[in-house]
Each structure stands twice: as C-alpha cells, then as structure tokens.
Protein backbone atom coordinates (compact mmCIF):
# COMPACT_ATOMS: atom_id res chain seq x y z
CA UNK A 1 -4.39 -40.87 26.49
CA UNK A 2 -4.63 -42.78 23.20
CA UNK A 3 -8.20 -43.94 23.91
CA UNK A 4 -9.26 -40.42 24.91
CA UNK A 5 -7.79 -38.98 21.70
CA UNK A 6 -9.62 -41.59 19.63
CA UNK A 7 -12.91 -40.72 21.32
CA UNK A 8 -12.32 -36.97 20.97
CA UNK A 9 -11.58 -37.45 17.28
CA UNK A 10 -14.83 -39.39 16.85
CA UNK A 11 -16.82 -36.69 18.64
CA UNK A 12 -15.31 -33.82 16.63
CA UNK A 13 -15.65 -35.72 13.35
CA UNK A 14 -19.20 -37.02 13.64
CA UNK A 15 -21.00 -34.65 16.03
CA UNK A 16 -21.96 -31.00 15.64
CA UNK A 17 -20.20 -28.42 17.83
CA UNK A 18 -21.18 -29.29 21.40
CA UNK A 19 -21.78 -25.81 22.80
CA UNK A 20 -25.34 -25.75 24.14
CA UNK A 21 -26.11 -29.32 23.05
CA UNK A 22 -27.75 -31.84 25.35
CA UNK A 23 -25.68 -35.04 25.22
CA UNK A 24 -26.71 -38.52 26.36
CA UNK A 25 -24.02 -41.13 26.94
CA UNK A 26 -25.46 -44.60 27.45
CA UNK A 27 -22.70 -46.16 29.50
CA UNK A 28 -20.30 -44.87 32.11
CA UNK A 29 -17.60 -47.55 32.31
CA UNK A 30 -14.95 -45.49 30.52
CA UNK A 31 -15.85 -42.32 32.42
CA UNK A 32 -15.61 -44.21 35.71
CA UNK A 33 -12.24 -45.65 34.74
CA UNK A 34 -10.60 -42.42 33.64
CA UNK A 35 -11.29 -41.71 29.96
CA UNK A 36 -13.03 -38.46 30.90
CA UNK A 37 -14.56 -37.81 27.49
CA UNK A 38 -17.67 -36.42 29.19
CA UNK A 39 -15.55 -33.93 31.11
CA UNK A 40 -14.10 -32.82 27.77
CA UNK A 41 -17.61 -32.55 26.25
CA UNK A 42 -18.76 -30.51 29.24
CA UNK A 43 -15.75 -28.24 28.73
CA UNK A 44 -16.87 -27.78 25.11
CA UNK A 45 -20.21 -26.43 26.37
CA UNK A 46 -22.34 -29.59 26.31
CA UNK A 47 -24.90 -30.36 28.96
CA UNK A 48 -24.22 -33.98 29.88
CA UNK A 49 -26.64 -36.71 30.88
CA UNK A 50 -25.34 -40.24 31.28
CA UNK A 51 -26.82 -43.58 32.25
CA UNK A 52 -25.44 -46.91 33.30
CA UNK A 53 -27.22 -50.05 34.40
CA UNK A 54 -24.72 -50.61 37.24
CA UNK A 55 -25.13 -48.40 40.31
CA UNK A 56 -21.45 -48.73 41.30
CA UNK A 57 -20.24 -47.69 37.85
CA UNK A 58 -22.56 -44.65 37.84
CA UNK A 59 -21.32 -43.73 41.33
CA UNK A 60 -17.64 -44.03 40.30
CA UNK A 61 -18.26 -41.94 37.19
CA UNK A 62 -20.07 -39.29 39.23
CA UNK A 63 -17.08 -39.13 41.58
CA UNK A 64 -14.62 -38.88 38.68
CA UNK A 65 -16.69 -36.15 37.05
CA UNK A 66 -16.62 -34.08 40.21
CA UNK A 67 -18.81 -31.10 41.08
CA UNK A 68 -19.58 -30.07 37.48
CA UNK A 69 -23.21 -29.71 36.52
CA UNK A 70 -24.26 -33.12 35.21
CA UNK A 71 -26.81 -35.85 35.60
CA UNK A 72 -25.63 -39.44 35.99
CA UNK A 73 -28.41 -41.95 36.55
CA UNK A 74 -28.79 -45.69 36.92
CA UNK A 75 -31.16 -47.05 34.32
CA UNK A 76 -31.63 -49.76 31.75
CA UNK A 77 -31.23 -48.21 28.29
CA UNK A 78 -34.36 -50.04 27.16
CA UNK A 79 -36.46 -47.97 29.58
CA UNK A 80 -34.82 -44.55 29.76
CA UNK A 81 -36.67 -41.93 31.80
CA UNK A 82 -36.52 -39.32 29.00
CA UNK A 83 -38.92 -38.24 26.29
CA UNK A 84 -38.43 -38.90 22.58
CA UNK A 85 -36.07 -36.49 20.84
CA UNK A 86 -34.85 -35.11 24.17
CA UNK A 87 -31.16 -35.13 23.16
CA UNK A 88 -29.07 -33.50 20.46
CA UNK A 89 -26.35 -36.17 20.61
CA UNK A 90 -26.47 -39.80 21.80
CA UNK A 91 -23.22 -41.68 22.31
CA UNK A 92 -22.37 -45.13 23.60
C-alpha cells in the first residue's frame, strides 16, 4: 500500500491528468507483483501500453491486470516497436 501511494503521488504530481492520455510504462515487475499502478492509471482514463524484456514478467502483469483494455508486450526498451512521440507519458 505504501509503495502504491508513493507511485500515485508521483504520477499526480509530475504528470498531466491521465484522462485520454497514452501512457507507456517501460517495466512490468511491480505490476506483476501487485503494485497495480497501471490499473489505477487505467481507472483515471489512461490508455496503457507497457513493455518488459522478460516474457514471464509481462505474462504475470497481463494476468494481474485482467481483462481491461491494455497492451503488454515483451520488448527491449532500446528497440521499442513504437514511433517517435507516440506517447503522452513515459514512466519506468
């Protein structure tokens, strides 16, 4: 709970309102292990895209996220499959 609150505070302090924003998170370890900050961001209206280099971590995060509309992919952050300026917010 403490870690989630710290992340939520960072998001609300440093990011614009998330409604309608396309968000990229560049690792999924915390989401896979229960922090659920991306679920919160999705609840705030963000469209969420997230990448992790480890297939198992991406799979666990996808399972934790559930059936919500999201895109979790396995990729190296040095070669992301997205165009320049594709995201409104990038978080790691």
